[in-house]
PDB file of N, CA and C in Angstrom:
ATOM      1  N   MET A   1      38.578 -18.702 -18.463  1.00  0.00           N
ATOM      2  CA  MET A   1      37.191 -18.772 -18.825  1.00  0.00           C
ATOM      3  C   MET A   1      36.427 -17.643 -17.965  1.00  0.00           C
ATOM      4  N   THR A   2      35.532 -16.764 -18.710  1.00  0.00           N
ATOM      5  CA  THR A   2      34.831 -15.888 -17.992  1.00  0.00           C
ATOM      6  C   THR A   2      33.449 -16.210 -17.865  1.00  0.00           C
ATOM      7  N   ILE A   3      32.870 -16.050 -16.601  1.00  0.00           N
ATOM      8  CA  ILE A   3      31.493 -16.338 -16.301  1.00  0.00           C
ATOM      9  C   ILE A   3      30.782 -15.049 -16.373  1.00  0.00           C
ATOM     10  N   GLN A   4      29.723 -14.937 -17.121  1.00  0.00           N
ATOM     11  CA  GLN A   4      28.830 -13.785 -17.210  1.00  0.00           C
ATOM     12  C   GLN A   4      27.698 -13.828 -16.133  1.00  0.00           C
ATOM     13  N   VAL A   5      27.526 -12.905 -15.375  1.00  0.00           N
ATOM     14  CA  VAL A   5      26.427 -12.815 -14.300  1.00  0.00           C
ATOM     15  C   VAL A   5      25.445 -11.865 -14.965  1.00  0.00           C
ATOM     16  N   PRO A   6      24.296 -12.220 -14.999  1.00  0.00           N
ATOM     17  CA  PRO A   6      23.144 -11.282 -15.513  1.00  0.00           C
ATOM     18  C   PRO A   6      23.165 -10.015 -14.730  1.00  0.00           C
ATOM     19  N   SER A   7      22.917  -8.943 -15.347  1.00  0.00           N
ATOM     20  CA  SER A   7      22.882  -7.682 -14.652  1.00  0.00           C
ATOM     21  C   SER A   7      21.723  -7.479 -13.720  1.00  0.00           C
ATOM     22  N   ALA A   8      21.662  -6.607 -12.795  1.00  0.00           N
ATOM     23  CA  ALA A   8      20.695  -6.434 -11.898  1.00  0.00           C
ATOM     24  C   ALA A   8      19.360  -6.197 -12.622  1.00  0.00           C
ATOM     25  N   SER A   9      19.319  -5.428 -13.755  1.00  0.00           N
ATOM     26  CA  SER A   9      18.289  -5.052 -14.365  1.00  0.00           C
ATOM     27  C   SER A   9      17.650  -6.295 -15.107  1.00  0.00           C
ATOM     28  N   LYS A  10      18.504  -7.250 -15.600  1.00  0.00           N
ATOM     29  CA  LYS A  10      18.099  -8.409 -16.241  1.00  0.00           C
ATOM     30  C   LYS A  10      17.378  -9.346 -15.237  1.00  0.00           C
ATOM     31  N   ARG A  11      17.953  -9.389 -14.089  1.00  0.00           N
ATOM     32  CA  ARG A  11      17.409 -10.228 -12.913  1.00  0.00           C
ATOM     33  C   ARG A  11      16.015  -9.696 -12.614  1.00  0.00           C
ATOM     34  N   SER A  12      16.031  -8.387 -12.413  1.00  0.00           N
ATOM     35  CA  SER A  12      14.736  -7.692 -11.890  1.00  0.00           C
ATOM     36  C   SER A  12      13.647  -8.034 -13.105  1.00  0.00           C
ATOM     37  N   GLU A  13      14.015  -7.835 -14.427  1.00  0.00           N
ATOM     38  CA  GLU A  13      13.101  -8.232 -15.467  1.00  0.00           C
ATOM     39  C   GLU A  13      12.568  -9.643 -15.458  1.00  0.00           C
ATOM     40  N   THR A  14      13.496 -10.439 -15.257  1.00  0.00           N
ATOM     41  CA  THR A  14      13.158 -11.874 -15.166  1.00  0.00           C
ATOM     42  C   THR A  14      12.183 -12.124 -14.026  1.00  0.00           C
ATOM     43  N   LEU A  15      12.552 -11.668 -12.879  1.00  0.00           N
ATOM     44  CA  LEU A  15      11.611 -11.830 -11.582  1.00  0.00           C
ATOM     45  C   LEU A  15      10.249 -11.217 -11.847  1.00  0.00           C
ATOM     46  N   ASN A  16      10.313  -9.991 -12.524  1.00  0.00           N
ATOM     47  CA  ASN A  16       9.022  -9.475 -12.692  1.00  0.00           C
ATOM     48  C   ASN A  16       8.041 -10.186 -13.708  1.00  0.00           C
ATOM     49  N   LYS A  17       8.825 -10.924 -14.679  1.00  0.00           N
ATOM     50  CA  LYS A  17       8.078 -11.819 -15.670  1.00  0.00           C
ATOM     51  C   LYS A  17       7.621 -12.994 -14.880  1.00  0.00           C
ATOM     52  N   VAL A  18       8.304 -13.632 -14.031  1.00  0.00           N
ATOM     53  CA  VAL A  18       7.872 -14.836 -13.359  1.00  0.00           C
ATOM     54  C   VAL A  18       6.693 -14.382 -12.474  1.00  0.00           C
ATOM     55  N   ILE A  19       6.837 -13.248 -11.791  1.00  0.00           N
ATOM     56  CA  ILE A  19       5.680 -12.916 -10.917  1.00  0.00           C
ATOM     57  C   ILE A  19       4.393 -12.674 -11.686  1.00  0.00           C
ATOM     58  N   ASP A  20       4.553 -12.034 -12.903  1.00  0.00           N
ATOM     59  CA  ASP A  20       3.362 -11.883 -13.749  1.00  0.00           C
ATOM     60  C   ASP A  20       2.778 -13.142 -14.255  1.00  0.00           C
ATOM     61  N   LYS A  21       3.585 -14.045 -14.633  1.00  0.00           N
ATOM     62  CA  LYS A  21       3.268 -15.388 -15.032  1.00  0.00           C
ATOM     63  C   LYS A  21       2.384 -16.142 -13.923  1.00  0.00           C
ATOM     64  N   VAL A  22       3.060 -16.188 -12.786  1.00  0.00           N
ATOM     65  CA  VAL A  22       2.395 -16.991 -11.718  1.00  0.00           C
ATOM     66  C   VAL A  22       1.111 -16.229 -11.387  1.00  0.00           C
ATOM     67  N   LEU A  23       1.100 -14.883 -11.195  1.00  0.00           N
ATOM     68  CA  LEU A  23      -0.280 -14.294 -10.901  1.00  0.00           C
ATOM     69  C   LEU A  23      -1.389 -14.619 -11.836  1.00  0.00           C
ATOM     70  N   ASN A  24      -0.991 -14.542 -13.139  1.00  0.00           N
ATOM     71  CA  ASN A  24      -1.960 -14.920 -14.213  1.00  0.00           C
ATOM     72  C   ASN A  24      -2.356 -16.406 -14.183  1.00  0.00           C
ATOM     73  N   GLN A  25      -1.316 -17.305 -13.801  1.00  0.00           N
ATOM     74  CA  GLN A  25      -1.725 -18.756 -13.857  1.00  0.00           C
ATOM     75  C   GLN A  25      -2.624 -18.980 -12.630  1.00  0.00           C
ATOM     76  N   ILE A  26      -2.510 -18.420 -11.524  1.00  0.00           N
ATOM     77  CA  ILE A  26      -3.215 -18.713 -10.343  1.00  0.00           C
ATOM     78  C   ILE A  26      -4.454 -17.884 -10.309  1.00  0.00           C
ATOM     79  N   LEU A  27      -4.486 -16.669 -10.587  1.00  0.00           N
ATOM     80  CA  LEU A  27      -5.570 -15.803 -10.406  1.00  0.00           C
ATOM     81  C   LEU A  27      -6.351 -15.423 -11.672  1.00  0.00           C
ATOM     82  N   GLY A  28      -5.719 -15.644 -12.813  1.00  0.00           N
ATOM     83  CA  GLY A  28      -6.233 -15.209 -14.126  1.00  0.00           C
ATOM     84  C   GLY A  28      -6.032 -13.717 -14.421  1.00  0.00           C
ATOM     85  N   GLN A  29      -6.243 -13.371 -15.667  1.00  0.00           N
ATOM     86  CA  GLN A  29      -5.819 -12.120 -16.102  1.00  0.00           C
ATOM     87  C   GLN A  29      -6.556 -10.915 -15.450  1.00  0.00           C
ATOM     88  N   GLU A  30      -7.818 -11.074 -15.252  1.00  0.00           N
ATOM     89  CA  GLU A  30      -8.494  -9.879 -14.650  1.00  0.00           C
ATOM     90  C   GLU A  30      -8.145  -9.706 -13.183  1.00  0.00           C
ATOM     91  N   ALA A  31      -7.973 -10.836 -12.420  1.00  0.00           N
ATOM     92  CA  ALA A  31      -7.659 -10.717 -11.002  1.00  0.00           C
ATOM     93  C   ALA A  31      -6.170 -10.081 -10.911  1.00  0.00           C
ATOM     94  N   THR A  32      -5.416 -10.482 -11.785  1.00  0.00           N
ATOM     95  CA  THR A  32      -4.015 -10.134 -11.717  1.00  0.00           C
ATOM     96  C   THR A  32      -3.985  -8.547 -11.994  1.00  0.00           C
ATOM     97  N   GLN A  33      -4.711  -8.064 -12.889  1.00  0.00           N
ATOM     98  CA  GLN A  33      -4.870  -6.617 -13.144  1.00  0.00           C
ATOM     99  C   GLN A  33      -5.274  -5.942 -11.982  1.00  0.00           C
ATOM    100  N   ILE A  34      -6.185  -6.586 -11.216  1.00  0.00           N
ATOM    101  CA  ILE A  34      -6.817  -5.907 -10.051  1.00  0.00           C
ATOM    102  C   ILE A  34      -5.641  -5.844  -8.935  1.00  0.00           C
ATOM    103  N   ILE A  35      -4.886  -6.833  -8.821  1.00  0.00           N
ATOM    104  CA  ILE A  35      -3.845  -6.791  -7.874  1.00  0.00           C
ATOM    105  C   ILE A  35      -2.755  -5.710  -8.266  1.00  0.00           C
ATOM    106  N   TYR A  36      -2.449  -5.681  -9.556  1.00  0.00           N
ATOM    107  CA  TYR A  36      -1.453  -4.577 -10.037  1.00  0.00           C
ATOM    108  C   TYR A  36      -2.028  -3.212  -9.684  1.00  0.00           C
ATOM    109  N   ASP A  37      -3.337  -2.964  -9.896  1.00  0.00           N
ATOM    110  CA  ASP A  37      -3.894  -1.762  -9.591  1.00  0.00           C
ATOM    111  C   ASP A  37      -3.932  -1.379  -8.098  1.00  0.00           C
ATOM    112  N   TYR A  38      -4.097  -2.544  -7.232  1.00  0.00           N
ATOM    113  CA  TYR A  38      -4.067  -2.378  -5.906  1.00  0.00           C
ATOM    114  C   TYR A  38      -2.653  -1.994  -5.386  1.00  0.00           C
ATOM    115  N   LEU A  39      -1.732  -2.657  -5.972  1.00  0.00           N
ATOM    116  CA  LEU A  39      -0.296  -2.264  -5.715  1.00  0.00           C
ATOM    117  C   LEU A  39       0.076  -0.859  -6.012  1.00  0.00           C
ATOM    118  N   GLU A  40      -0.408  -0.399  -7.223  1.00  0.00           N
ATOM    119  CA  GLU A  40      -0.081   0.855  -7.571  1.00  0.00           C
ATOM    120  C   GLU A  40      -0.714   1.968  -6.726  1.00  0.00           C
ATOM    121  N   ASN A  41      -2.148   1.832  -6.569  1.00  0.00           N
ATOM    122  CA  ASN A  41      -2.920   2.764  -5.877  1.00  0.00           C
ATOM    123  C   ASN A  41      -2.777   2.861  -4.312  1.00  0.00           C
ATOM    124  N   ASN A  42      -2.479   1.664  -3.697  1.00  0.00           N
ATOM    125  CA  ASN A  42      -2.347   1.734  -2.278  1.00  0.00           C
ATOM    126  C   ASN A  42      -1.007   1.647  -1.741  1.00  0.00           C
ATOM    127  N   HIS A  43       0.029   1.115  -2.560  1.00  0.00           N
ATOM    128  CA  HIS A  43       1.330   0.875  -2.143  1.00  0.00           C
ATOM    129  C   HIS A  43       2.443   1.554  -2.973  1.00  0.00           C
ATOM    130  N   SER A  44       2.052   2.294  -3.979  1.00  0.00           N
ATOM    131  CA  SER A  44       2.852   3.028  -4.893  1.00  0.00           C
ATOM    132  C   SER A  44       3.976   2.122  -5.431  1.00  0.00           C
ATOM    133  N   ILE A  45       3.441   0.927  -5.881  1.00  0.00           N
ATOM    134  CA  ILE A  45       4.364  -0.097  -6.525  1.00  0.00           C
ATOM    135  C   ILE A  45       3.792  -0.237  -7.945  1.00  0.00           C
ATOM    136  N   GLN A  46       4.760   0.313  -8.828  1.00  0.00           N
ATOM    137  CA  GLN A  46       4.363  -0.084 -10.310  1.00  0.00           C
ATOM    138  C   GLN A  46       4.914  -1.512 -10.672  1.00  0.00           C
ATOM    139  N   ARG A  47       4.084  -1.997 -11.722  1.00  0.00           N
ATOM    140  CA  ARG A  47       4.360  -3.316 -12.121  1.00  0.00           C
ATOM    141  C   ARG A  47       5.882  -3.647 -12.361  1.00  0.00           C
ATOM    142  N   HIS A  48       6.447  -2.639 -13.004  1.00  0.00           N
ATOM    143  CA  HIS A  48       8.038  -2.899 -13.302  1.00  0.00           C
ATOM    144  C   HIS A  48       8.761  -2.715 -12.160  1.00  0.00           C
ATOM    145  N   GLU A  49       8.375  -2.208 -10.964  1.00  0.00           N
ATOM    146  CA  GLU A  49       9.218  -1.991  -9.826  1.00  0.00           C
ATOM    147  C   GLU A  49       9.135  -3.096  -8.805  1.00  0.00           C
ATOM    148  N   ILE A  50       8.352  -4.117  -8.973  1.00  0.00           N
ATOM    149  CA  ILE A  50       8.099  -5.222  -8.011  1.00  0.00           C
ATOM    150  C   ILE A  50       9.455  -5.843  -7.627  1.00  0.00           C
ATOM    151  N   ALA A  51      10.300  -6.156  -8.392  1.00  0.00           N
ATOM    152  CA  ALA A  51      11.524  -6.889  -8.239  1.00  0.00           C
ATOM    153  C   ALA A  51      12.431  -5.977  -7.265  1.00  0.00           C
ATOM    154  N   GLN A  52      12.389  -4.684  -7.384  1.00  0.00           N
ATOM    155  CA  GLN A  52      13.249  -3.654  -6.520  1.00  0.00           C
ATOM    156  C   GLN A  52      12.479  -3.428  -5.212  1.00  0.00           C
ATOM    157  N   LYS A  53      11.219  -3.819  -5.096  1.00  0.00           N
ATOM    158  CA  LYS A  53      10.412  -3.470  -3.842  1.00  0.00           C
ATOM    159  C   LYS A  53       9.757  -4.784  -3.280  1.00  0.00           C
ATOM    160  N   LEU A  54      10.607  -5.810  -3.278  1.00  0.00           N
ATOM    161  CA  LEU A  54      10.035  -7.142  -2.806  1.00  0.00           C
ATOM    162  C   LEU A  54       9.427  -7.092  -1.523  1.00  0.00           C
ATOM    163  N   ASP A  55       9.988  -6.437  -0.486  1.00  0.00           N
ATOM    164  CA  ASP A  55       9.539  -6.454   0.856  1.00  0.00           C
ATOM    165  C   ASP A  55       8.050  -5.783   0.804  1.00  0.00           C
ATOM    166  N   SER A  56       7.831  -4.700   0.064  1.00  0.00           N
ATOM    167  CA  SER A  56       6.566  -4.070   0.004  1.00  0.00           C
ATOM    168  C   SER A  56       5.689  -4.751  -0.764  1.00  0.00           C
ATOM    169  N   PHE A  57       6.123  -5.462  -1.970  1.00  0.00           N
ATOM    170  CA  PHE A  57       5.267  -6.328  -2.488  1.00  0.00           C
ATOM    171  C   PHE A  57       4.738  -7.451  -1.695  1.00  0.00           C
ATOM    172  N   ASN A  58       5.549  -8.054  -1.014  1.00  0.00           N
ATOM    173  CA  ASN A  58       5.227  -9.224  -0.109  1.00  0.00           C
ATOM    174  C   ASN A  58       4.241  -8.755   0.966  1.00  0.00           C
ATOM    175  N   LYS A  59       4.410  -7.617   1.622  1.00  0.00           N
ATOM    176  CA  LYS A  59       3.424  -7.117   2.501  1.00  0.00           C
ATOM    177  C   LYS A  59       2.155  -6.668   1.901  1.00  0.00           C
ATOM    178  N   ALA A  60       2.124  -6.096   0.822  1.00  0.00           N
ATOM    179  CA  ALA A  60       0.954  -5.624   0.072  1.00  0.00           C
ATOM    180  C   ALA A  60       0.164  -6.955  -0.334  1.00  0.00           C
ATOM    181  N   LEU A  61       0.838  -7.969  -0.882  1.00  0.00           N
ATOM    182  CA  LEU A  61       0.072  -9.107  -1.249  1.00  0.00           C
ATOM    183  C   LEU A  61      -0.554  -9.923  -0.091  1.00  0.00           C
ATOM    184  N   THR A  62       0.131  -9.866   1.004  1.00  0.00           N
ATOM    185  CA  THR A  62      -0.353 -10.521   2.269  1.00  0.00           C
ATOM    186  C   THR A  62      -1.538  -9.717   2.719  1.00  0.00           C
ATOM    187  N   GLU A  63      -1.396  -8.496   2.829  1.00  0.00           N
ATOM    188  CA  GLU A  63      -2.457  -7.503   3.154  1.00  0.00           C
ATOM    189  C   GLU A  63      -3.825  -7.790   2.366  1.00  0.00           C
ATOM    190  N   TYR A  64      -3.623  -7.898   1.003  1.00  0.00           N
ATOM    191  CA  TYR A  64      -4.664  -8.003   0.144  1.00  0.00           C
ATOM    192  C   TYR A  64      -5.259  -9.464   0.139  1.00  0.00           C
ATOM    193  N   LEU A  65      -4.440 -10.401   0.088  1.00  0.00           N
ATOM    194  CA  LEU A  65      -4.822 -11.846  -0.206  1.00  0.00           C
ATOM    195  C   LEU A  65      -4.745 -12.573   1.202  1.00  0.00           C
ATOM    196  N   GLY A  66      -4.352 -12.006   2.328  1.00  0.00           N
ATOM    197  CA  GLY A  66      -4.236 -12.790   3.521  1.00  0.00           C
ATOM    198  C   GLY A  66      -3.430 -14.039   3.381  1.00  0.00           C
ATOM    199  N   THR A  67      -3.768 -15.190   3.827  1.00  0.00           N
ATOM    200  CA  THR A  67      -2.947 -16.418   3.771  1.00  0.00           C
ATOM    201  C   THR A  67      -2.944 -16.913   2.356  1.00  0.00           C
ATOM    202  N   GLY A  68      -3.805 -16.473   1.511  1.00  0.00           N
ATOM    203  CA  GLY A  68      -3.762 -16.840   0.035  1.00  0.00           C
ATOM    204  C   GLY A  68      -2.431 -16.463  -0.632  1.00  0.00           C
ATOM    205  N   ALA A  69      -1.813 -15.398  -0.042  1.00  0.00           N
ATOM    206  CA  ALA A  69      -0.570 -14.917  -0.624  1.00  0.00           C
ATOM    207  C   ALA A  69       0.546 -16.034  -0.649  1.00  0.00           C
ATOM    208  N   VAL A  70       0.456 -16.876   0.236  1.00  0.00           N
ATOM    209  CA  VAL A  70       1.447 -17.891   0.448  1.00  0.00           C
ATOM    210  C   VAL A  70       1.401 -18.861  -0.974  1.00  0.00           C
ATOM    211  N   VAL A  71       0.217 -19.008  -1.471  1.00  0.00           N
ATOM    212  CA  VAL A  71       0.148 -19.780  -2.779  1.00  0.00           C
ATOM    213  C   VAL A  71       0.951 -19.070  -3.919  1.00  0.00           C
ATOM    214  N   ILE A  72       0.728 -17.774  -3.933  1.00  0.00           N
ATOM    215  CA  ILE A  72       1.413 -16.934  -5.001  1.00  0.00           C
ATOM    216  C   ILE A  72       2.926 -17.025  -4.705  1.00  0.00           C
ATOM    217  N   GLU A  73       3.334 -16.841  -3.437  1.00  0.00           N
ATOM    218  CA  GLU A  73       4.859 -16.823  -3.056  1.00  0.00           C
ATOM    219  C   GLU A  73       5.484 -18.195  -3.564  1.00  0.00           C
ATOM    220  N   ARG A  74       4.819 -19.238  -3.146  1.00  0.00           N
ATOM    221  CA  ARG A  74       5.308 -20.607  -3.511  1.00  0.00           C
ATOM    222  C   ARG A  74       5.441 -20.829  -4.956  1.00  0.00           C
ATOM    223  N   GLY A  75       4.419 -20.346  -5.764  1.00  0.00           N
ATOM    224  CA  GLY A  75       4.382 -20.425  -7.081  1.00  0.00           C
ATOM    225  C   GLY A  75       5.612 -19.565  -7.755  1.00  0.00           C
ATOM    226  N   ILE A  76       5.874 -18.504  -7.177  1.00  0.00           N
ATOM    227  CA  ILE A  76       7.041 -17.712  -7.630  1.00  0.00           C
ATOM    228  C   ILE A  76       8.311 -18.376  -7.367  1.00  0.00           C
ATOM    229  N   LEU A  77       8.457 -18.996  -6.063  1.00  0.00           N
ATOM    230  CA  LEU A  77       9.727 -19.615  -5.818  1.00  0.00           C
ATOM    231  C   LEU A  77       9.810 -20.876  -6.569  1.00  0.00           C
ATOM    232  N   GLU A  78       8.756 -21.544  -6.856  1.00  0.00           N
ATOM    233  CA  GLU A  78       8.835 -22.843  -7.594  1.00  0.00           C
ATOM    234  C   GLU A  78       9.367 -22.300  -9.132  1.00  0.00           C
ATOM    235  N   ASN A  79       8.801 -21.399  -9.602  1.00  0.00           N
ATOM    236  CA  ASN A  79       9.155 -21.001 -10.852  1.00  0.00           C
ATOM    237  C   ASN A  79      10.648 -20.450 -11.185  1.00  0.00           C
ATOM    238  N   LEU A  80      11.095 -19.915  -9.980  1.00  0.00           N
ATOM    239  CA  LEU A  80      12.526 -19.450  -9.906  1.00  0.00           C
ATOM    240  C   LEU A  80      13.487 -20.578  -9.470  1.00  0.00           C
ATOM    241  N   GLU A  81      12.831 -21.877  -9.139  1.00  0.00           N
ATOM    242  CA  GLU A  81      13.600 -23.006  -8.840  1.00  0.00           C
ATOM    243  C   GLU A  81      14.490 -22.825  -7.778  1.00  0.00           C
ATOM    244  N   ILE A  82      13.844 -22.022  -6.651  1.00  0.00           N
ATOM    245  CA  ILE A  82      14.589 -21.883  -5.424  1.00  0.00           C
ATOM    246  C   ILE A  82      13.962 -22.964  -4.452  1.00  0.00           C
ATOM    247  N   ARG A  83      14.768 -23.829  -4.026  1.00  0.00           N
ATOM    248  CA  ARG A  83      14.406 -24.920  -3.141  1.00  0.00           C
ATOM    249  C   ARG A  83      15.335 -24.859  -1.938  1.00  0.00           C
ATOM    250  N   GLY A  84      14.776 -25.161  -0.753  1.00  0.00           N
ATOM    251  CA  GLY A  84      15.628 -25.301   0.450  1.00  0.00           C
ATOM    252  C   GLY A  84      15.019 -26.198   1.453  1.00  0.00           C
ATOM    253  N   PRO A  85      15.640 -26.258   2.540  1.00  0.00           N
ATOM    254  CA  PRO A  85      15.137 -27.115   3.627  1.00  0.00           C
ATOM    255  C   PRO A  85      13.874 -26.660   4.021  1.00  0.00           C
ATOM    256  N   GLU A  86      12.940 -27.447   4.734  1.00  0.00           N
ATOM    257  CA  GLU A  86      11.609 -27.114   5.203  1.00  0.00           C
ATOM    258  C   GLU A  86      11.653 -25.832   6.067  1.00  0.00           C
ATOM    259  N   GLU A  87      12.701 -25.608   6.888  1.00  0.00           N
ATOM    260  CA  GLU A  87      12.710 -24.460   7.828  1.00  0.00           C
ATOM    261  C   GLU A  87      12.744 -23.246   6.932  1.00  0.00           C
ATOM    262  N   ILE A  88      13.401 -23.255   5.885  1.00  0.00           N
ATOM    263  CA  ILE A  88      13.578 -22.123   4.904  1.00  0.00           C
ATOM    264  C   ILE A  88      12.089 -21.737   4.367  1.00  0.00           C
ATOM    265  N   LYS A  89      11.263 -22.794   4.111  1.00  0.00           N
ATOM    266  CA  LYS A  89      10.145 -22.452   3.423  1.00  0.00           C
ATOM    267  C   LYS A  89       9.189 -21.584   4.258  1.00  0.00           C
ATOM    268  N   SER A  90       9.392 -21.426   5.587  1.00  0.00           N
ATOM    269  CA  SER A  90       8.624 -20.618   6.474  1.00  0.00           C
ATOM    270  C   SER A  90       9.075 -19.113   6.361  1.00  0.00           C
ATOM    271  N   VAL A  91      10.105 -18.868   5.833  1.00  0.00           N
ATOM    272  CA  VAL A  91      10.687 -17.480   5.667  1.00  0.00           C
ATOM    273  C   VAL A  91       9.864 -16.834   4.416  1.00  0.00           C
ATOM    274  N   ASP A  92       9.625 -15.555   4.670  1.00  0.00           N
ATOM    275  CA  ASP A  92       8.868 -14.992   3.556  1.00  0.00           C
ATOM    276  C   ASP A  92       9.617 -14.800   2.149  1.00  0.00           C
ATOM    277  N   LEU A  93       8.835 -14.537   1.056  1.00  0.00           N
ATOM    278  CA  LEU A  93       9.416 -14.497  -0.307  1.00  0.00           C
ATOM    279  C   LEU A  93      10.643 -13.497  -0.331  1.00  0.00           C
ATOM    280  N   ALA A  94      10.671 -12.396   0.154  1.00  0.00           N
ATOM    281  CA  ALA A  94      11.601 -11.376   0.064  1.00  0.00           C
ATOM    282  C   ALA A  94      12.937 -11.997   0.593  1.00  0.00           C
ATOM    283  N   GLU A  95      12.819 -12.498   1.847  1.00  0.00           N
ATOM    284  CA  GLU A  95      13.911 -13.125   2.457  1.00  0.00           C
ATOM    285  C   GLU A  95      14.495 -14.297   1.820  1.00  0.00           C
ATOM    286  N   GLN A  96      13.709 -15.219   1.182  1.00  0.00           N
ATOM    287  CA  GLN A  96      14.191 -16.212   0.247  1.00  0.00           C
ATOM    288  C   GLN A  96      14.900 -15.661  -0.938  1.00  0.00           C
ATOM    289  N   LEU A  97      14.355 -14.641  -1.584  1.00  0.00           N
ATOM    290  CA  LEU A  97      14.968 -14.111  -2.810  1.00  0.00           C
ATOM    291  C   LEU A  97      16.320 -13.499  -2.446  1.00  0.00           C
ATOM    292  N   ARG A  98      16.398 -12.729  -1.400  1.00  0.00           N
ATOM    293  CA  ARG A  98      17.591 -12.103  -0.968  1.00  0.00           C
ATOM    294  C   ARG A  98      18.686 -13.185  -0.682  1.00  0.00           C
ATOM    295  N   THR A  99      18.293 -14.256  -0.098  1.00  0.00           N
ATOM    296  CA  THR A  99      19.263 -15.376   0.151  1.00  0.00           C
ATOM    297  C   THR A  99      19.669 -15.973  -1.138  1.00  0.00           C
ATOM    298  N   ALA A 100      18.842 -16.181  -2.102  1.00  0.00           N
ATOM    299  CA  ALA A 100      19.039 -16.780  -3.376  1.00  0.00           C
ATOM    300  C   ALA A 100      20.025 -15.886  -4.142  1.00  0.00           C
ATOM    301  N   LYS A 101      19.879 -14.457  -4.011  1.00  0.00           N
ATOM    302  CA  LYS A 101      20.780 -13.615  -4.764  1.00  0.00           C
ATOM    303  C   LYS A 101      22.096 -13.630  -4.185  1.00  0.00           C
ATOM    304  N   MET A 102      22.262 -14.023  -2.929  1.00  0.00           N
ATOM    305  CA  MET A 102      23.635 -13.993  -2.336  1.00  0.00           C
ATOM    306  C   MET A 102      24.418 -15.246  -2.694  1.00  0.00           C
ATOM    307  N   ALA A 103      23.685 -16.268  -3.091  1.00  0.00           N
ATOM    308  CA  ALA A 103      24.286 -17.597  -3.424  1.00  0.00           C
ATOM    309  C   ALA A 103      24.925 -17.538  -4.794  1.00  0.00           C
TER     310      ALA A 103
END
């Protein structure tokens, strides 16, 4: 029996879609576009590059939204169905996603 593992590009595409969905659900379409513009103009992160630049995305989101970034991060993690012990929840988004990719 062969198990197919999604390619890195497929995982990145899925993650980018989840991030877009969560941003739109929480912030709305206009605010989401403002976030994307901020990422591009201030951190050189294109919308389609977020999955490859998670550390930079996380830092930029925290810089822009402050503690409000936590709400976005939790929404992303919930949509990806990544759950762990309470201690892990304090680790930033990029670290949790890296851990999940290794599992």
